[in-house]
Structure formats: C-alpha cells, structure tokens
Amino acid sequence: MMPGNLQVRNLDDDLILRLKRRAARHGRSTEAEHREILRQALSSEVEPSFGELAAKLRQMTRGRRQTPSETLQREGRTER
C-alpha cells in the first residue's frame, strides 16, 4: 500500500508551537513527530473482530422485523 497524506486543519497556534517544540526535543521534523504521535496513539487500539461486530449488530437490531434473504432474492428476480 502506498503511504497516504493527512492534512489537519484549524489547529490552535499554541498546539502547533507545542508540536514543534516536542519535535525539536526528539530531533525530528514536525511532520515526523506528528506521525509518531499518531502511531503511538493508534498502536494500542484493538480492532474488533468480525464476530464482535456481528454480535453488536444483532444486539442493535434485536426486535426489528427481518425479511429473509430468499424473499428479497425472489422479489428482486420478479422485478427484472
């Protein structure tokens, strides 16, 4: 995968200054420091499994009327 670009707008001047100072302390460019902060913040985040997402969806739709897929397929064929 090719690296992407991310543009962050509307940052407070104080936040930008703090980022620049932090980058200087770590001997990095501001952009490299920004990448490192994002990497650290997201590296500990656990992605939910398909099973967890499916369980959450079932919970959210519990009690709703469901149309069986074969009915939807049959209706789709008759509409052609």
PDB file of N, CA and C in Angstrom:
ATOM      1  N   MET A   1       0.846  -1.169   0.000  1.00  0.00           N
ATOM      2  CA  MET A   1       0.000   0.000   0.000  1.00  0.00           C
ATOM      3  C   MET A   1       0.899   1.242   0.000  1.00  0.00           C
ATOM      4  N   MET A   2       0.503   2.214  -0.779  1.00  0.00           N
ATOM      5  CA  MET A   2       1.272   3.463  -0.847  1.00  0.00           C
ATOM      6  C   MET A   2       0.946   4.328   0.367  1.00  0.00           C
ATOM      7  N   PRO A   3       1.934   5.040   0.883  1.00  0.00           N
ATOM      8  CA  PRO A   3       1.657   5.943   2.007  1.00  0.00           C
ATOM      9  C   PRO A   3       0.668   7.027   1.601  1.00  0.00           C
ATOM     10  N   GLY A   4      -0.213   7.365   2.523  1.00  0.00           N
ATOM     11  CA  GLY A   4      -1.191   8.402   2.260  1.00  0.00           C
ATOM     12  C   GLY A   4      -0.785   9.715   2.883  1.00  0.00           C
ATOM     13  N   ASN A   5      -1.560  10.711   2.613  1.00  0.00           N
ATOM     14  CA  ASN A   5      -1.337  12.037   3.181  1.00  0.00           C
ATOM     15  C   ASN A   5      -2.517  12.396   4.062  1.00  0.00           C
ATOM     16  N   LEU A   6      -2.230  13.144   5.097  1.00  0.00           N
ATOM     17  CA  LEU A   6      -3.256  13.594   6.021  1.00  0.00           C
ATOM     18  C   LEU A   6      -3.028  15.068   6.292  1.00  0.00           C
ATOM     19  N   GLN A   7      -4.059  15.848   6.085  1.00  0.00           N
ATOM     20  CA  GLN A   7      -3.944  17.282   6.343  1.00  0.00           C
ATOM     21  C   GLN A   7      -4.861  17.616   7.508  1.00  0.00           C
ATOM     22  N   VAL A   8      -4.310  18.259   8.518  1.00  0.00           N
ATOM     23  CA  VAL A   8      -5.075  18.635   9.700  1.00  0.00           C
ATOM     24  C   VAL A   8      -5.249  20.141   9.678  1.00  0.00           C
ATOM     25  N   ARG A   9      -6.492  20.561   9.705  1.00  0.00           N
ATOM     26  CA  ARG A   9      -6.793  21.998   9.629  1.00  0.00           C
ATOM     27  C   ARG A   9      -7.283  22.518  10.977  1.00  0.00           C
ATOM     28  N   ASN A  10      -7.262  23.819  11.098  1.00  0.00           N
ATOM     29  CA  ASN A  10      -7.845  24.533  12.246  1.00  0.00           C
ATOM     30  C   ASN A  10      -7.217  24.151  13.585  1.00  0.00           C
ATOM     31  N   LEU A  11      -5.904  24.029  13.615  1.00  0.00           N
ATOM     32  CA  LEU A  11      -5.200  23.771  14.867  1.00  0.00           C
ATOM     33  C   LEU A  11      -4.875  25.093  15.549  1.00  0.00           C
ATOM     34  N   ASP A  12      -4.972  25.080  16.855  1.00  0.00           N
ATOM     35  CA  ASP A  12      -4.606  26.277  17.614  1.00  0.00           C
ATOM     36  C   ASP A  12      -3.117  26.551  17.453  1.00  0.00           C
ATOM     37  N   ASP A  13      -2.769  27.824  17.418  1.00  0.00           N
ATOM     38  CA  ASP A  13      -1.360  28.203  17.293  1.00  0.00           C
ATOM     39  C   ASP A  13      -0.529  27.620  18.426  1.00  0.00           C
ATOM     40  N   ASP A  14      -1.101  27.573  19.632  1.00  0.00           N
ATOM     41  CA  ASP A  14      -0.388  27.027  20.781  1.00  0.00           C
ATOM     42  C   ASP A  14      -0.084  25.539  20.570  1.00  0.00           C
ATOM     43  N   LEU A  15      -1.016  24.809  20.014  1.00  0.00           N
ATOM     44  CA  LEU A  15      -0.816  23.384  19.763  1.00  0.00           C
ATOM     45  C   LEU A  15       0.283  23.162  18.726  1.00  0.00           C
ATOM     46  N   ILE A  16       0.292  23.974  17.713  1.00  0.00           N
ATOM     47  CA  ILE A  16       1.336  23.880  16.683  1.00  0.00           C
ATOM     48  C   ILE A  16       2.701  24.169  17.287  1.00  0.00           C
ATOM     49  N   LEU A  17       2.780  25.199  18.106  1.00  0.00           N
ATOM     50  CA  LEU A  17       4.044  25.550  18.759  1.00  0.00           C
ATOM     51  C   LEU A  17       4.523  24.415  19.660  1.00  0.00           C
ATOM     52  N   ARG A  18       3.606  23.813  20.409  1.00  0.00           N
ATOM     53  CA  ARG A  18       3.971  22.695  21.281  1.00  0.00           C
ATOM     54  C   ARG A  18       4.450  21.494  20.483  1.00  0.00           C
ATOM     55  N   LEU A  19       3.821  21.238  19.342  1.00  0.00           N
ATOM     56  CA  LEU A  19       4.243  20.135  18.480  1.00  0.00           C
ATOM     57  C   LEU A  19       5.654  20.398  17.939  1.00  0.00           C
ATOM     58  N   LYS A  20       5.909  21.624  17.527  1.00  0.00           N
ATOM     59  CA  LYS A  20       7.245  21.976  17.015  1.00  0.00           C
ATOM     60  C   LYS A  20       8.305  21.824  18.102  1.00  0.00           C
ATOM     61  N   ARG A  21       7.989  22.245  19.309  1.00  0.00           N
ATOM     62  CA  ARG A  21       8.944  22.116  20.414  1.00  0.00           C
ATOM     63  C   ARG A  21       9.211  20.648  20.752  1.00  0.00           C
ATOM     64  N   ARG A  22       8.140  19.873  20.769  1.00  0.00           N
ATOM     65  CA  ARG A  22       8.292  18.441  21.052  1.00  0.00           C
ATOM     66  C   ARG A  22       9.142  17.772  19.977  1.00  0.00           C
ATOM     67  N   ALA A  23       8.901  18.123  18.730  1.00  0.00           N
ATOM     68  CA  ALA A  23       9.684  17.556  17.622  1.00  0.00           C
ATOM     69  C   ALA A  23      11.155  17.910  17.782  1.00  0.00           C
ATOM     70  N   ALA A  24      11.443  19.148  18.149  1.00  0.00           N
ATOM     71  CA  ALA A  24      12.829  19.580  18.335  1.00  0.00           C
ATOM     72  C   ALA A  24      13.495  18.801  19.463  1.00  0.00           C
ATOM     73  N   ARG A  25      12.761  18.576  20.548  1.00  0.00           N
ATOM     74  CA  ARG A  25      13.319  17.805  21.670  1.00  0.00           C
ATOM     75  C   ARG A  25      13.669  16.377  21.252  1.00  0.00           C
ATOM     76  N   HIS A  26      12.886  15.823  20.335  1.00  0.00           N
ATOM     77  CA  HIS A  26      13.118  14.450  19.882  1.00  0.00           C
ATOM     78  C   HIS A  26      13.990  14.383  18.632  1.00  0.00           C
ATOM     79  N   GLY A  27      14.440  15.521  18.148  1.00  0.00           N
ATOM     80  CA  GLY A  27      15.321  15.543  16.983  1.00  0.00           C
ATOM     81  C   GLY A  27      14.630  15.126  15.695  1.00  0.00           C
ATOM     82  N   ARG A  28      13.346  15.448  15.583  1.00  0.00           N
ATOM     83  CA  ARG A  28      12.571  15.076  14.396  1.00  0.00           C
ATOM     84  C   ARG A  28      11.943  16.322  13.789  1.00  0.00           C
ATOM     85  N   SER A  29      11.509  16.167  12.561  1.00  0.00           N
ATOM     86  CA  SER A  29      10.724  17.238  11.947  1.00  0.00           C
ATOM     87  C   SER A  29       9.334  17.241  12.591  1.00  0.00           C
ATOM     88  N   THR A  30       8.627  18.323  12.417  1.00  0.00           N
ATOM     89  CA  THR A  30       7.267  18.408  12.954  1.00  0.00           C
ATOM     90  C   THR A  30       6.398  17.319  12.337  1.00  0.00           C
ATOM     91  N   GLU A  31       6.568  17.094  11.053  1.00  0.00           N
ATOM     92  CA  GLU A  31       5.781  16.065  10.370  1.00  0.00           C
ATOM     93  C   GLU A  31       6.098  14.670  10.924  1.00  0.00           C
ATOM     94  N   ALA A  32       7.372  14.381  11.137  1.00  0.00           N
ATOM     95  CA  ALA A  32       7.761  13.079  11.696  1.00  0.00           C
ATOM     96  C   ALA A  32       7.227  12.912  13.113  1.00  0.00           C
ATOM     97  N   GLU A  33       7.223  13.982  13.877  1.00  0.00           N
ATOM     98  CA  GLU A  33       6.690  13.924  15.242  1.00  0.00           C
ATOM     99  C   GLU A  33       5.197  13.656  15.215  1.00  0.00           C
ATOM    100  N   HIS A  34       4.508  14.298  14.306  1.00  0.00           N
ATOM    101  CA  HIS A  34       3.069  14.097  14.138  1.00  0.00           C
ATOM    102  C   HIS A  34       2.780  12.632  13.812  1.00  0.00           C
ATOM    103  N   ARG A  35       3.572  12.060  12.887  1.00  0.00           N
ATOM    104  CA  ARG A  35       3.408  10.640  12.536  1.00  0.00           C
ATOM    105  C   ARG A  35       3.627   9.745  13.752  1.00  0.00           C
ATOM    106  N   GLU A  36       4.652  10.051  14.530  1.00  0.00           N
ATOM    107  CA  GLU A  36       4.972   9.237  15.710  1.00  0.00           C
ATOM    108  C   GLU A  36       3.863   9.310  16.748  1.00  0.00           C
ATOM    109  N   ILE A  37       3.315  10.490  16.965  1.00  0.00           N
ATOM    110  CA  ILE A  37       2.210  10.649  17.919  1.00  0.00           C
ATOM    111  C   ILE A  37       1.016   9.814  17.475  1.00  0.00           C
ATOM    112  N   LEU A  38       0.678   9.881  16.189  1.00  0.00           N
ATOM    113  CA  LEU A  38      -0.443   9.088  15.680  1.00  0.00           C
ATOM    114  C   LEU A  38      -0.161   7.595  15.801  1.00  0.00           C
ATOM    115  N   ARG A  39       1.071   7.183  15.456  1.00  0.00           N
ATOM    116  CA  ARG A  39       1.427   5.765  15.536  1.00  0.00           C
ATOM    117  C   ARG A  39       1.278   5.257  16.972  1.00  0.00           C
ATOM    118  N   GLN A  40       1.802   6.014  17.929  1.00  0.00           N
ATOM    119  CA  GLN A  40       1.714   5.605  19.333  1.00  0.00           C
ATOM    120  C   GLN A  40       0.263   5.553  19.816  1.00  0.00           C
ATOM    121  N   ALA A  41      -0.506   6.552  19.439  1.00  0.00           N
ATOM    122  CA  ALA A  41      -1.897   6.620  19.896  1.00  0.00           C
ATOM    123  C   ALA A  41      -2.736   5.468  19.349  1.00  0.00           C
ATOM    124  N   LEU A  42      -2.446   5.053  18.131  1.00  0.00           N
ATOM    125  CA  LEU A  42      -3.275   4.032  17.498  1.00  0.00           C
ATOM    126  C   LEU A  42      -2.730   2.619  17.625  1.00  0.00           C
ATOM    127  N   SER A  43      -1.478   2.468  18.023  1.00  0.00           N
ATOM    128  CA  SER A  43      -0.886   1.129  18.094  1.00  0.00           C
ATOM    129  C   SER A  43      -1.496   0.281  19.200  1.00  0.00           C
ATOM    130  N   SER A  44      -1.992   0.887  20.244  1.00  0.00           N
ATOM    131  CA  SER A  44      -2.571   0.126  21.350  1.00  0.00           C
ATOM    132  C   SER A  44      -4.069  -0.113  21.167  1.00  0.00           C
ATOM    133  N   GLU A  45      -4.651   0.476  20.146  1.00  0.00           N
ATOM    134  CA  GLU A  45      -6.086   0.323  19.919  1.00  0.00           C
ATOM    135  C   GLU A  45      -6.359  -1.034  19.269  1.00  0.00           C
ATOM    136  N   VAL A  46      -7.296  -1.770  19.839  1.00  0.00           N
ATOM    137  CA  VAL A  46      -7.617  -3.108  19.352  1.00  0.00           C
ATOM    138  C   VAL A  46      -8.805  -3.027  18.391  1.00  0.00           C
ATOM    139  N   GLU A  47      -8.622  -3.591  17.210  1.00  0.00           N
ATOM    140  CA  GLU A  47      -9.698  -3.630  16.225  1.00  0.00           C
ATOM    141  C   GLU A  47     -10.671  -4.739  16.616  1.00  0.00           C
ATOM    142  N   PRO A  48     -11.973  -4.465  16.617  1.00  0.00           N
ATOM    143  CA  PRO A  48     -12.932  -5.524  16.957  1.00  0.00           C
ATOM    144  C   PRO A  48     -12.948  -6.602  15.876  1.00  0.00           C
ATOM    145  N   SER A  49     -13.195  -7.841  16.300  1.00  0.00           N
ATOM    146  CA  SER A  49     -13.267  -8.950  15.349  1.00  0.00           C
ATOM    147  C   SER A  49     -14.605  -8.909  14.619  1.00  0.00           C
ATOM    148  N   PHE A  50     -14.692  -9.678  13.550  1.00  0.00           N
ATOM    149  CA  PHE A  50     -15.950  -9.760  12.810  1.00  0.00           C
ATOM    150  C   PHE A  50     -17.054 -10.274  13.728  1.00  0.00           C
ATOM    151  N   GLY A  51     -16.735 -11.264  14.546  1.00  0.00           N
ATOM    152  CA  GLY A  51     -17.732 -11.821  15.468  1.00  0.00           C
ATOM    153  C   GLY A  51     -18.254 -10.783  16.442  1.00  0.00           C
ATOM    154  N   GLU A  52     -17.350  -9.937  16.959  1.00  0.00           N
ATOM    155  CA  GLU A  52     -17.770  -8.879  17.887  1.00  0.00           C
ATOM    156  C   GLU A  52     -18.661  -7.858  17.196  1.00  0.00           C
ATOM    157  N   LEU A  53     -18.283  -7.482  15.969  1.00  0.00           N
ATOM    158  CA  LEU A  53     -19.101  -6.528  15.214  1.00  0.00           C
ATOM    159  C   LEU A  53     -20.470  -7.124  14.879  1.00  0.00           C
ATOM    160  N   ALA A  54     -20.495  -8.411  14.498  1.00  0.00           N
ATOM    161  CA  ALA A  54     -21.765  -9.072  14.175  1.00  0.00           C
ATOM    162  C   ALA A  54     -22.658  -9.141  15.411  1.00  0.00           C
ATOM    163  N   ALA A  55     -22.081  -9.453  16.567  1.00  0.00           N
ATOM    164  CA  ALA A  55     -22.860  -9.518  17.805  1.00  0.00           C
ATOM    165  C   ALA A  55     -23.449  -8.150  18.149  1.00  0.00           C
ATOM    166  N   LYS A  56     -22.661  -7.111  17.945  1.00  0.00           N
ATOM    167  CA  LYS A  56     -23.152  -5.754  18.223  1.00  0.00           C
ATOM    168  C   LYS A  56     -24.296  -5.397  17.278  1.00  0.00           C
ATOM    169  N   LEU A  57     -24.165  -5.769  16.008  1.00  0.00           N
ATOM    170  CA  LEU A  57     -25.232  -5.503  15.037  1.00  0.00           C
ATOM    171  C   LEU A  57     -26.500  -6.268  15.405  1.00  0.00           C
ATOM    172  N   ARG A  58     -26.346  -7.537  15.819  1.00  0.00           N
ATOM    173  CA  ARG A  58     -27.525  -8.314  16.238  1.00  0.00           C
ATOM    174  C   ARG A  58     -28.204  -7.660  17.427  1.00  0.00           C
ATOM    175  N   GLN A  59     -27.400  -7.174  18.365  1.00  0.00           N
ATOM    176  CA  GLN A  59     -27.951  -6.512  19.542  1.00  0.00           C
ATOM    177  C   GLN A  59     -28.696  -5.230  19.148  1.00  0.00           C
ATOM    178  N   MET A  60     -28.121  -4.473  18.221  1.00  0.00           N
ATOM    179  CA  MET A  60     -28.734  -3.208  17.804  1.00  0.00           C
ATOM    180  C   MET A  60     -30.046  -3.427  17.048  1.00  0.00           C
ATOM    181  N   THR A  61     -30.158  -4.557  16.358  1.00  0.00           N
ATOM    182  CA  THR A  61     -31.343  -4.802  15.531  1.00  0.00           C
ATOM    183  C   THR A  61     -32.306  -5.792  16.170  1.00  0.00           C
ATOM    184  N   ARG A  62     -32.050  -6.176  17.406  1.00  0.00           N
ATOM    185  CA  ARG A  62     -32.931  -7.108  18.114  1.00  0.00           C
ATOM    186  C   ARG A  62     -34.343  -6.520  18.183  1.00  0.00           C
ATOM    187  N   GLY A  63     -35.323  -7.347  17.875  1.00  0.00           N
ATOM    188  CA  GLY A  63     -36.714  -6.919  17.939  1.00  0.00           C
ATOM    189  C   GLY A  63     -37.226  -6.277  16.665  1.00  0.00           C
ATOM    190  N   ARG A  64     -36.343  -5.985  15.719  1.00  0.00           N
ATOM    191  CA  ARG A  64     -36.797  -5.404  14.446  1.00  0.00           C
ATOM    192  C   ARG A  64     -37.280  -6.511  13.519  1.00  0.00           C
ATOM    193  N   ARG A  65     -38.230  -6.187  12.703  1.00  0.00           N
ATOM    194  CA  ARG A  65     -38.746  -7.134  11.726  1.00  0.00           C
ATOM    195  C   ARG A  65     -37.656  -7.384  10.680  1.00  0.00           C
ATOM    196  N   GLN A  66     -37.393  -8.667  10.420  1.00  0.00           N
ATOM    197  CA  GLN A  66     -36.363  -9.043   9.455  1.00  0.00           C
ATOM    198  C   GLN A  66     -37.012  -9.747   8.267  1.00  0.00           C
ATOM    199  N   THR A  67     -36.572  -9.420   7.074  1.00  0.00           N
ATOM    200  CA  THR A  67     -37.045 -10.089   5.869  1.00  0.00           C
ATOM    201  C   THR A  67     -36.000 -11.125   5.473  1.00  0.00           C
ATOM    202  N   PRO A  68     -36.417 -12.404   5.356  1.00  0.00           N
ATOM    203  CA  PRO A  68     -35.450 -13.439   4.967  1.00  0.00           C
ATOM    204  C   PRO A  68     -34.815 -13.127   3.609  1.00  0.00           C
ATOM    205  N   SER A  69     -33.551 -13.471   3.459  1.00  0.00           N
ATOM    206  CA  SER A  69     -32.827 -13.150   2.231  1.00  0.00           C
ATOM    207  C   SER A  69     -33.443 -13.812   1.011  1.00  0.00           C
ATOM    208  N   GLU A  70     -33.976 -15.036   1.159  1.00  0.00           N
ATOM    209  CA  GLU A  70     -34.593 -15.697  -0.005  1.00  0.00           C
ATOM    210  C   GLU A  70     -35.813 -14.935  -0.506  1.00  0.00           C
ATOM    211  N   THR A  71     -36.534 -14.281   0.405  1.00  0.00           N
ATOM    212  CA  THR A  71     -37.679 -13.457  -0.003  1.00  0.00           C
ATOM    213  C   THR A  71     -37.193 -12.247  -0.801  1.00  0.00           C
ATOM    214  N   LEU A  72     -36.129 -11.607  -0.312  1.00  0.00           N
ATOM    215  CA  LEU A  72     -35.581 -10.454  -1.023  1.00  0.00           C
ATOM    216  C   LEU A  72     -35.060 -10.858  -2.397  1.00  0.00           C
ATOM    217  N   GLN A  73     -34.413 -12.023  -2.491  1.00  0.00           N
ATOM    218  CA  GLN A  73     -33.912 -12.506  -3.774  1.00  0.00           C
ATOM    219  C   GLN A  73     -35.066 -12.777  -4.742  1.00  0.00           C
ATOM    220  N   ARG A  74     -36.111 -13.437  -4.247  1.00  0.00           N
ATOM    221  CA  ARG A  74     -37.270 -13.739  -5.085  1.00  0.00           C
ATOM    222  C   ARG A  74     -37.915 -12.442  -5.582  1.00  0.00           C
ATOM    223  N   GLU A  75     -38.077 -11.458  -4.711  1.00  0.00           N
ATOM    224  CA  GLU A  75     -38.655 -10.174  -5.118  1.00  0.00           C
ATOM    225  C   GLU A  75     -37.780  -9.491  -6.156  1.00  0.00           C
ATOM    226  N   GLY A  76     -36.456  -9.577  -5.981  1.00  0.00           N
ATOM    227  CA  GLY A  76     -35.535  -8.977  -6.937  1.00  0.00           C
ATOM    228  C   GLY A  76     -35.639  -9.598  -8.318  1.00  0.00           C
ATOM    229  N   ARG A  77     -35.849 -10.927  -8.362  1.00  0.00           N
ATOM    230  CA  ARG A  77     -35.975 -11.607  -9.658  1.00  0.00           C
ATOM    231  C   ARG A  77     -37.255 -11.207 -10.376  1.00  0.00           C
ATOM    232  N   THR A  78     -38.337 -11.041  -9.624  1.00  0.00           N
ATOM    233  CA  THR A  78     -39.605 -10.708 -10.274  1.00  0.00           C
ATOM    234  C   THR A  78     -39.638  -9.258 -10.760  1.00  0.00           C
ATOM    235  N   GLU A  79     -38.787  -8.408 -10.204  1.00  0.00           N
ATOM    236  CA  GLU A  79     -38.744  -7.002 -10.632  1.00  0.00           C
ATOM    237  C   GLU A  79     -38.013  -6.820 -11.937  1.00  0.00           C
ATOM    238  N   ARG A  80     -37.232  -7.802 -12.353  1.00  0.00           N
ATOM    239  CA  ARG A  80     -36.442  -7.651 -13.598  1.00  0.00           C
ATOM    240  C   ARG A  80     -37.287  -7.717 -14.801  1.00  0.00           C
TER     241      ARG A  80
END
